[in-house]
Amino acid sequence: GVIVVDEDYKYRKVFGQVVCSFRYGREEDEVMGLNFQKDLYLVSEQVFPPPEKQTTTKLQDRLLRKLGANAYPFTFTLPASSPASVMLQP
């Protein structure tokens, strides 16, 4: 991915997360205020300032040229223990 950082945030740290939200149940129940959702937090990493120089993909290169000097590339590496599938039990 590519993040664009505003000038006001140049001296702050920016973190990114990969979160899977699983929704289940009926839509009518959600209108009544019931929430049927489970969240799975997979990765949380610092994306700015960039921790080190990294290789970029063709898409990231094109976005970096288009978005200008305030754009920075980042990648997330999912852990090996990430599930391939999930079964929800309310």
PDB file of N, CA and C in Angstrom:
ATOM      1  N   GLY A   1       0.806  -1.176   0.000  1.00  0.00           N
ATOM      2  CA  GLY A   1       0.000   0.000   0.000  1.00  0.00           C
ATOM      3  C   GLY A   1       0.855   1.247   0.000  1.00  0.00           C
ATOM      4  N   VAL A   2       0.192   2.378  -0.070  1.00  0.00           N
ATOM      5  CA  VAL A   2       0.851   3.682  -0.037  1.00  0.00           C
ATOM      6  C   VAL A   2       0.054   4.584   0.892  1.00  0.00           C
ATOM      7  N   ILE A   3       0.759   5.306   1.754  1.00  0.00           N
ATOM      8  CA  ILE A   3       0.124   6.238   2.671  1.00  0.00           C
ATOM      9  C   ILE A   3       0.590   7.647   2.323  1.00  0.00           C
ATOM     10  N   VAL A   4      -0.337   8.596   2.367  1.00  0.00           N
ATOM     11  CA  VAL A   4      -0.004  10.003   2.161  1.00  0.00           C
ATOM     12  C   VAL A   4      -0.080  10.689   3.523  1.00  0.00           C
ATOM     13  N   VAL A   5       1.028  11.298   3.926  1.00  0.00           N
ATOM     14  CA  VAL A   5       1.139  11.908   5.245  1.00  0.00           C
ATOM     15  C   VAL A   5       1.093  13.424   5.103  1.00  0.00           C
ATOM     16  N   ASP A   6       0.194  14.056   5.832  1.00  0.00           N
ATOM     17  CA  ASP A   6       0.069  15.507   5.832  1.00  0.00           C
ATOM     18  C   ASP A   6       1.289  16.127   6.508  1.00  0.00           C
ATOM     19  N   GLU A   7       1.604  17.351   6.162  1.00  0.00           N
ATOM     20  CA  GLU A   7       2.765  18.045   6.741  1.00  0.00           C
ATOM     21  C   GLU A   7       2.685  18.127   8.264  1.00  0.00           C
ATOM     22  N   ASP A   8       1.478  18.211   8.820  1.00  0.00           N
ATOM     23  CA  ASP A   8       1.314  18.308  10.274  1.00  0.00           C
ATOM     24  C   ASP A   8       1.704  17.013  10.996  1.00  0.00           C
ATOM     25  N   TYR A   9       1.733  15.893  10.284  1.00  0.00           N
ATOM     26  CA  TYR A   9       2.024  14.596  10.903  1.00  0.00           C
ATOM     27  C   TYR A   9       3.457  14.135  10.634  1.00  0.00           C
ATOM     28  N   LYS A  10       4.297  14.988  10.083  1.00  0.00           N
ATOM     29  CA  LYS A  10       5.658  14.593   9.727  1.00  0.00           C
ATOM     30  C   LYS A  10       6.475  14.119  10.927  1.00  0.00           C
ATOM     31  N   TYR A  11       6.164  14.585  12.119  1.00  0.00           N
ATOM     32  CA  TYR A  11       6.955  14.246  13.299  1.00  0.00           C
ATOM     33  C   TYR A  11       6.209  13.296  14.239  1.00  0.00           C
ATOM     34  N   ARG A  12       5.206  12.620  13.725  1.00  0.00           N
ATOM     35  CA  ARG A  12       4.431  11.651  14.516  1.00  0.00           C
ATOM     36  C   ARG A  12       4.586  10.264  13.912  1.00  0.00           C
ATOM     37  N   LYS A  13       4.213   9.267  14.694  1.00  0.00           N
ATOM     38  CA  LYS A  13       4.201   7.896  14.204  1.00  0.00           C
ATOM     39  C   LYS A  13       2.784   7.555  13.734  1.00  0.00           C
ATOM     40  N   VAL A  14       2.684   6.819  12.638  1.00  0.00           N
ATOM     41  CA  VAL A  14       1.398   6.371  12.100  1.00  0.00           C
ATOM     42  C   VAL A  14       1.431   4.848  12.036  1.00  0.00           C
ATOM     43  N   PHE A  15       0.392   4.215  12.574  1.00  0.00           N
ATOM     44  CA  PHE A  15       0.300   2.765  12.596  1.00  0.00           C
ATOM     45  C   PHE A  15      -0.861   2.309  11.710  1.00  0.00           C
ATOM     46  N   GLY A  16      -0.708   1.140  11.134  1.00  0.00           N
ATOM     47  CA  GLY A  16      -1.764   0.529  10.338  1.00  0.00           C
ATOM     48  C   GLY A  16      -2.111  -0.838  10.902  1.00  0.00           C
ATOM     49  N   GLN A  17      -3.339  -1.272  10.670  1.00  0.00           N
ATOM     50  CA  GLN A  17      -3.797  -2.564  11.164  1.00  0.00           C
ATOM     51  C   GLN A  17      -4.522  -3.319  10.067  1.00  0.00           C
ATOM     52  N   VAL A  18      -4.443  -4.637  10.144  1.00  0.00           N
ATOM     53  CA  VAL A  18      -5.266  -5.520   9.314  1.00  0.00           C
ATOM     54  C   VAL A  18      -6.265  -6.173  10.259  1.00  0.00           C
ATOM     55  N   VAL A  19      -7.539  -5.850  10.057  1.00  0.00           N
ATOM     56  CA  VAL A  19      -8.608  -6.359  10.917  1.00  0.00           C
ATOM     57  C   VAL A  19      -9.654  -7.023  10.037  1.00  0.00           C
ATOM     58  N   CYS A  20     -10.020  -8.242  10.379  1.00  0.00           N
ATOM     59  CA  CYS A  20     -11.100  -8.947   9.687  1.00  0.00           C
ATOM     60  C   CYS A  20     -12.351  -8.839  10.549  1.00  0.00           C
ATOM     61  N   SER A  21     -13.425  -8.310   9.971  1.00  0.00           N
ATOM     62  CA  SER A  21     -14.701  -8.194  10.679  1.00  0.00           C
ATOM     63  C   SER A  21     -15.682  -9.180  10.074  1.00  0.00           C
ATOM     64  N   PHE A  22     -16.180 -10.056  10.899  1.00  0.00           N
ATOM     65  CA  PHE A  22     -17.126 -11.073  10.461  1.00  0.00           C
ATOM     66  C   PHE A  22     -18.505 -10.701  10.977  1.00  0.00           C
ATOM     67  N   ARG A  23     -19.432 -10.519  10.058  1.00  0.00           N
ATOM     68  CA  ARG A  23     -20.795 -10.173  10.441  1.00  0.00           C
ATOM     69  C   ARG A  23     -21.697 -11.374  10.209  1.00  0.00           C
ATOM     70  N   TYR A  24     -22.603 -11.588  11.130  1.00  0.00           N
ATOM     71  CA  TYR A  24     -23.543 -12.699  11.017  1.00  0.00           C
ATOM     72  C   TYR A  24     -24.857 -12.273  11.644  1.00  0.00           C
ATOM     73  N   GLY A  25     -25.871 -13.082  11.464  1.00  0.00           N
ATOM     74  CA  GLY A  25     -27.194 -12.745  12.001  1.00  0.00           C
ATOM     75  C   GLY A  25     -28.054 -12.088  10.936  1.00  0.00           C
ATOM     76  N   ARG A  26     -29.227 -11.703  11.354  1.00  0.00           N
ATOM     77  CA  ARG A  26     -30.175 -11.089  10.422  1.00  0.00           C
ATOM     78  C   ARG A  26     -30.034  -9.578  10.449  1.00  0.00           C
ATOM     79  N   GLU A  27     -30.296  -8.966   9.315  1.00  0.00           N
ATOM     80  CA  GLU A  27     -30.210  -7.513   9.208  1.00  0.00           C
ATOM     81  C   GLU A  27     -31.275  -6.825  10.057  1.00  0.00           C
ATOM     82  N   GLU A  28     -32.424  -7.457  10.233  1.00  0.00           N
ATOM     83  CA  GLU A  28     -33.491  -6.866  11.046  1.00  0.00           C
ATOM     84  C   GLU A  28     -33.058  -6.722  12.498  1.00  0.00           C
ATOM     85  N   ASP A  29     -32.240  -7.669  12.989  1.00  0.00           N
ATOM     86  CA  ASP A  29     -31.768  -7.599  14.368  1.00  0.00           C
ATOM     87  C   ASP A  29     -30.805  -6.431  14.572  1.00  0.00           C
ATOM     88  N   GLU A  30     -30.023  -6.097  13.548  1.00  0.00           N
ATOM     89  CA  GLU A  30     -29.091  -4.982  13.660  1.00  0.00           C
ATOM     90  C   GLU A  30     -29.831  -3.651  13.731  1.00  0.00           C
ATOM     91  N   VAL A  31     -30.974  -3.562  13.068  1.00  0.00           N
ATOM     92  CA  VAL A  31     -31.774  -2.339  13.118  1.00  0.00           C
ATOM     93  C   VAL A  31     -32.288  -2.113  14.536  1.00  0.00           C
ATOM     94  N   MET A  32     -32.546  -3.197  15.268  1.00  0.00           N
ATOM     95  CA  MET A  32     -33.045  -3.093  16.640  1.00  0.00           C
ATOM     96  C   MET A  32     -31.929  -2.790  17.640  1.00  0.00           C
ATOM     97  N   GLY A  33     -30.677  -2.674  17.188  1.00  0.00           N
ATOM     98  CA  GLY A  33     -29.591  -2.331  18.086  1.00  0.00           C
ATOM     99  C   GLY A  33     -28.710  -3.494  18.501  1.00  0.00           C
ATOM    100  N   LEU A  34     -29.012  -4.695  18.039  1.00  0.00           N
ATOM    101  CA  LEU A  34     -28.174  -5.847  18.356  1.00  0.00           C
ATOM    102  C   LEU A  34     -27.002  -5.889  17.384  1.00  0.00           C
ATOM    103  N   ASN A  35     -25.824  -6.190  17.884  1.00  0.00           N
ATOM    104  CA  ASN A  35     -24.628  -6.210  17.049  1.00  0.00           C
ATOM    105  C   ASN A  35     -24.107  -7.642  16.961  1.00  0.00           C
ATOM    106  N   PHE A  36     -24.106  -8.182  15.754  1.00  0.00           N
ATOM    107  CA  PHE A  36     -23.594  -9.527  15.510  1.00  0.00           C
ATOM    108  C   PHE A  36     -22.338  -9.404  14.673  1.00  0.00           C
ATOM    109  N   GLN A  37     -21.215  -9.214  15.357  1.00  0.00           N
ATOM    110  CA  GLN A  37     -19.953  -9.014  14.658  1.00  0.00           C
ATOM    111  C   GLN A  37     -18.806  -9.501  15.538  1.00  0.00           C
ATOM    112  N   LYS A  38     -17.866 -10.166  14.911  1.00  0.00           N
ATOM    113  CA  LYS A  38     -16.629 -10.590  15.585  1.00  0.00           C
ATOM    114  C   LYS A  38     -15.465  -9.972  14.813  1.00  0.00           C
ATOM    115  N   ASP A  39     -14.467  -9.476  15.536  1.00  0.00           N
ATOM    116  CA  ASP A  39     -13.293  -8.880  14.918  1.00  0.00           C
ATOM    117  C   ASP A  39     -12.068  -9.730  15.211  1.00  0.00           C
ATOM    118  N   LEU A  40     -11.222  -9.884  14.203  1.00  0.00           N
ATOM    119  CA  LEU A  40      -9.985 -10.633  14.321  1.00  0.00           C
ATOM    120  C   LEU A  40      -8.844  -9.703  13.919  1.00  0.00           C
ATOM    121  N   TYR A  41      -8.007  -9.321  14.873  1.00  0.00           N
ATOM    122  CA  TYR A  41      -6.879  -8.431  14.627  1.00  0.00           C
ATOM    123  C   TYR A  41      -5.674  -9.281  14.245  1.00  0.00           C
ATOM    124  N   LEU A  42      -5.208  -9.110  13.007  1.00  0.00           N
ATOM    125  CA  LEU A  42      -4.107  -9.934  12.520  1.00  0.00           C
ATOM    126  C   LEU A  42      -2.750  -9.260  12.658  1.00  0.00           C
ATOM    127  N   VAL A  43      -2.645  -7.995  12.232  1.00  0.00           N
ATOM    128  CA  VAL A  43      -1.356  -7.312  12.200  1.00  0.00           C
ATOM    129  C   VAL A  43      -1.540  -5.861  12.624  1.00  0.00           C
ATOM    130  N   SER A  44      -0.590  -5.346  13.378  1.00  0.00           N
ATOM    131  CA  SER A  44      -0.527  -3.931  13.704  1.00  0.00           C
ATOM    132  C   SER A  44       0.936  -3.518  13.601  1.00  0.00           C
ATOM    133  N   GLU A  45       1.257  -2.628  12.643  1.00  0.00           N
ATOM    134  CA  GLU A  45       2.638  -2.241  12.402  1.00  0.00           C
ATOM    135  C   GLU A  45       2.741  -0.742  12.167  1.00  0.00           C
ATOM    136  N   GLN A  46       3.918  -0.215  12.422  1.00  0.00           N
ATOM    137  CA  GLN A  46       4.187   1.191  12.142  1.00  0.00           C
ATOM    138  C   GLN A  46       4.442   1.346  10.648  1.00  0.00           C
ATOM    139  N   VAL A  47       3.694   2.272  10.010  1.00  0.00           N
ATOM    140  CA  VAL A  47       3.867   2.503   8.574  1.00  0.00           C
ATOM    141  C   VAL A  47       4.557   3.833   8.275  1.00  0.00           C
ATOM    142  N   PHE A  48       4.586   4.750   9.255  1.00  0.00           N
ATOM    143  CA  PHE A  48       5.310   6.007   9.086  1.00  0.00           C
ATOM    144  C   PHE A  48       5.875   6.447  10.420  1.00  0.00           C
ATOM    145  N   PRO A  49       7.088   6.917  10.512  1.00  0.00           N
ATOM    146  CA  PRO A  49       8.075   6.956   9.441  1.00  0.00           C
ATOM    147  C   PRO A  49       8.464   5.540   9.035  1.00  0.00           C
ATOM    148  N   PRO A  50       8.788   5.366   7.760  1.00  0.00           N
ATOM    149  CA  PRO A  50       9.121   4.021   7.282  1.00  0.00           C
ATOM    150  C   PRO A  50      10.293   3.450   8.065  1.00  0.00           C
ATOM    151  N   PRO A  51      10.163   2.222   8.558  1.00  0.00           N
ATOM    152  CA  PRO A  51      11.227   1.652   9.382  1.00  0.00           C
ATOM    153  C   PRO A  51      12.535   1.444   8.618  1.00  0.00           C
ATOM    154  N   GLU A  52      12.458   1.167   7.322  1.00  0.00           N
ATOM    155  CA  GLU A  52      13.654   0.922   6.518  1.00  0.00           C
ATOM    156  C   GLU A  52      13.295   1.059   5.043  1.00  0.00           C
ATOM    157  N   LYS A  53      14.288   1.104   4.216  1.00  0.00           N
ATOM    158  CA  LYS A  53      14.046   1.151   2.767  1.00  0.00           C
ATOM    159  C   LYS A  53      13.552  -0.216   2.322  1.00  0.00           C
ATOM    160  N   GLN A  54      12.457  -0.238   1.578  1.00  0.00           N
ATOM    161  CA  GLN A  54      11.879  -1.499   1.163  1.00  0.00           C
ATOM    162  C   GLN A  54      11.659  -1.513  -0.341  1.00  0.00           C
ATOM    163  N   THR A  55      11.585  -2.696  -0.894  1.00  0.00           N
ATOM    164  CA  THR A  55      11.316  -2.807  -2.319  1.00  0.00           C
ATOM    165  C   THR A  55       9.848  -2.515  -2.559  1.00  0.00           C
ATOM    166  N   THR A  56       9.560  -1.893  -3.676  1.00  0.00           N
ATOM    167  CA  THR A  56       8.185  -1.518  -4.000  1.00  0.00           C
ATOM    168  C   THR A  56       7.707  -2.279  -5.224  1.00  0.00           C
ATOM    169  N   THR A  57       6.397  -2.419  -5.313  1.00  0.00           N
ATOM    170  CA  THR A  57       5.789  -3.054  -6.478  1.00  0.00           C
ATOM    171  C   THR A  57       5.572  -2.015  -7.575  1.00  0.00           C
ATOM    172  N   LYS A  58       5.197  -2.459  -8.759  1.00  0.00           N
ATOM    173  CA  LYS A  58       4.926  -1.533  -9.861  1.00  0.00           C
ATOM    174  C   LYS A  58       3.773  -0.593  -9.516  1.00  0.00           C
ATOM    175  N   LEU A  59       2.747  -1.143  -8.865  1.00  0.00           N
ATOM    176  CA  LEU A  59       1.600  -0.319  -8.483  1.00  0.00           C
ATOM    177  C   LEU A  59       2.013   0.741  -7.464  1.00  0.00           C
ATOM    178  N   GLN A  60       2.820   0.357  -6.482  1.00  0.00           N
ATOM    179  CA  GLN A  60       3.291   1.333  -5.511  1.00  0.00           C
ATOM    180  C   GLN A  60       4.141   2.413  -6.173  1.00  0.00           C
ATOM    181  N   ASP A  61       4.996   2.035  -7.125  1.00  0.00           N
ATOM    182  CA  ASP A  61       5.814   3.018  -7.839  1.00  0.00           C
ATOM    183  C   ASP A  61       4.944   4.036  -8.569  1.00  0.00           C
ATOM    184  N   ARG A  62       3.907   3.555  -9.226  1.00  0.00           N
ATOM    185  CA  ARG A  62       3.005   4.464  -9.946  1.00  0.00           C
ATOM    186  C   ARG A  62       2.266   5.388  -8.984  1.00  0.00           C
ATOM    187  N   LEU A  63       1.814   4.848  -7.847  1.00  0.00           N
ATOM    188  CA  LEU A  63       1.123   5.669  -6.856  1.00  0.00           C
ATOM    189  C   LEU A  63       2.064   6.694  -6.227  1.00  0.00           C
ATOM    190  N   LEU A  64       3.301   6.300  -5.964  1.00  0.00           N
ATOM    191  CA  LEU A  64       4.270   7.232  -5.386  1.00  0.00           C
ATOM    192  C   LEU A  64       4.535   8.402  -6.328  1.00  0.00           C
ATOM    193  N   ARG A  65       4.646   8.127  -7.634  1.00  0.00           N
ATOM    194  CA  ARG A  65       4.845   9.211  -8.613  1.00  0.00           C
ATOM    195  C   ARG A  65       3.619  10.111  -8.679  1.00  0.00           C
ATOM    196  N   LYS A  66       2.440   9.510  -8.620  1.00  0.00           N
ATOM    197  CA  LYS A  66       1.208  10.283  -8.739  1.00  0.00           C
ATOM    198  C   LYS A  66       0.915  11.112  -7.492  1.00  0.00           C
ATOM    199  N   LEU A  67       1.180  10.560  -6.310  1.00  0.00           N
ATOM    200  CA  LEU A  67       0.797  11.215  -5.064  1.00  0.00           C
ATOM    201  C   LEU A  67       1.838  12.204  -4.541  1.00  0.00           C
ATOM    202  N   GLY A  68       3.064  12.153  -5.030  1.00  0.00           N
ATOM    203  CA  GLY A  68       4.041  13.172  -4.685  1.00  0.00           C
ATOM    204  C   GLY A  68       4.965  12.811  -3.534  1.00  0.00           C
ATOM    205  N   ALA A  69       5.615  13.850  -3.005  1.00  0.00           N
ATOM    206  CA  ALA A  69       6.686  13.667  -2.020  1.00  0.00           C
ATOM    207  C   ALA A  69       6.185  13.225  -0.647  1.00  0.00           C
ATOM    208  N   ASN A  70       4.915  13.438  -0.354  1.00  0.00           N
ATOM    209  CA  ASN A  70       4.377  13.059   0.964  1.00  0.00           C
ATOM    210  C   ASN A  70       3.833  11.641   0.984  1.00  0.00           C
ATOM    211  N   ALA A  71       4.069  10.865  -0.056  1.00  0.00           N
ATOM    212  CA  ALA A  71       3.579   9.486  -0.138  1.00  0.00           C
ATOM    213  C   ALA A  71       4.703   8.522   0.238  1.00  0.00           C
ATOM    214  N   TYR A  72       4.350   7.495   1.008  1.00  0.00           N
ATOM    215  CA  TYR A  72       5.327   6.519   1.478  1.00  0.00           C
ATOM    216  C   TYR A  72       4.752   5.119   1.313  1.00  0.00           C
ATOM    217  N   PRO A  73       5.557   4.168   0.814  1.00  0.00           N
ATOM    218  CA  PRO A  73       5.059   2.796   0.649  1.00  0.00           C
ATOM    219  C   PRO A  73       5.106   2.024   1.967  1.00  0.00           C
ATOM    220  N   PHE A  74       4.237   1.039   2.082  1.00  0.00           N
ATOM    221  CA  PHE A  74       4.262   0.134   3.238  1.00  0.00           C
ATOM    222  C   PHE A  74       3.757  -1.228   2.805  1.00  0.00           C
ATOM    223  N   THR A  75       4.110  -2.230   3.568  1.00  0.00           N
ATOM    224  CA  THR A  75       3.604  -3.590   3.346  1.00  0.00           C
ATOM    225  C   THR A  75       3.290  -4.214   4.698  1.00  0.00           C
ATOM    226  N   PHE A  76       2.327  -5.097   4.694  1.00  0.00           N
ATOM    227  CA  PHE A  76       1.999  -5.890   5.871  1.00  0.00           C
ATOM    228  C   PHE A  76       2.371  -7.339   5.579  1.00  0.00           C
ATOM    229  N   THR A  77       2.986  -7.975   6.539  1.00  0.00           N
ATOM    230  CA  THR A  77       3.282  -9.396   6.442  1.00  0.00           C
ATOM    231  C   THR A  77       2.376 -10.110   7.431  1.00  0.00           C
ATOM    232  N   LEU A  78       1.476 -10.915   6.894  1.00  0.00           N
ATOM    233  CA  LEU A  78       0.551 -11.640   7.759  1.00  0.00           C
ATOM    234  C   LEU A  78       1.294 -12.775   8.466  1.00  0.00           C
ATOM    235  N   PRO A  79       0.990 -13.004   9.739  1.00  0.00           N
ATOM    236  CA  PRO A  79       1.682 -14.076  10.466  1.00  0.00           C
ATOM    237  C   PRO A  79       1.335 -15.454   9.909  1.00  0.00           C
ATOM    238  N   ALA A  80       2.269 -16.373  10.077  1.00  0.00           N
ATOM    239  CA  ALA A  80       2.057 -17.744   9.595  1.00  0.00           C
ATOM    240  C   ALA A  80       0.900 -18.416  10.310  1.00  0.00           C
ATOM    241  N   SER A  81       0.563 -17.935  11.497  1.00  0.00           N
ATOM    242  CA  SER A  81      -0.526 -18.537  12.263  1.00  0.00           C
ATOM    243  C   SER A  81      -1.898 -17.986  11.887  1.00  0.00           C
ATOM    244  N   SER A  82      -1.969 -17.150  10.844  1.00  0.00           N
ATOM    245  CA  SER A  82      -3.261 -16.604  10.398  1.00  0.00           C
ATOM    246  C   SER A  82      -4.144 -17.729   9.868  1.00  0.00           C
ATOM    247  N   PRO A  83      -5.421 -17.701  10.219  1.00  0.00           N
ATOM    248  CA  PRO A  83      -6.297 -18.793   9.778  1.00  0.00           C
ATOM    249  C   PRO A  83      -6.643 -18.682   8.295  1.00  0.00           C
ATOM    250  N   ALA A  84      -6.739 -19.829   7.648  1.00  0.00           N
ATOM    251  CA  ALA A  84      -7.159 -19.869   6.244  1.00  0.00           C
ATOM    252  C   ALA A  84      -8.672 -19.758   6.147  1.00  0.00           C
ATOM    253  N   SER A  85      -9.380 -20.222   7.167  1.00  0.00           N
ATOM    254  CA  SER A  85     -10.829 -20.106   7.220  1.00  0.00           C
ATOM    255  C   SER A  85     -11.252 -19.957   8.691  1.00  0.00           C
ATOM    256  N   VAL A  86     -12.475 -19.486   8.868  1.00  0.00           N
ATOM    257  CA  VAL A  86     -12.971 -19.215  10.222  1.00  0.00           C
ATOM    258  C   VAL A  86     -14.385 -19.757  10.358  1.00  0.00           C
ATOM    259  N   MET A  87     -14.695 -20.338  11.518  1.00  0.00           N
ATOM    260  CA  MET A  87     -16.058 -20.768  11.802  1.00  0.00           C
ATOM    261  C   MET A  87     -16.531 -19.973  13.017  1.00  0.00           C
ATOM    262  N   LEU A  88     -17.621 -19.239  12.878  1.00  0.00           N
ATOM    263  CA  LEU A  88     -18.139 -18.415  13.963  1.00  0.00           C
ATOM    264  C   LEU A  88     -19.167 -19.192  14.771  1.00  0.00           C
ATOM    265  N   GLN A  89     -19.053 -19.050  16.080  1.00  0.00           N
ATOM    266  CA  GLN A  89     -20.031 -19.635  16.978  1.00  0.00           C
ATOM    267  C   GLN A  89     -20.510 -18.523  17.907  1.00  0.00           C
ATOM    268  N   PRO A  90     -21.786 -18.119  17.791  1.00  0.00           N
ATOM    269  CA  PRO A  90     -22.277 -17.010  18.606  1.00  0.00           C
ATOM    270  C   PRO A  90     -22.286 -17.315  20.089  1.00  0.00           C
TER     271      PRO A  90
END
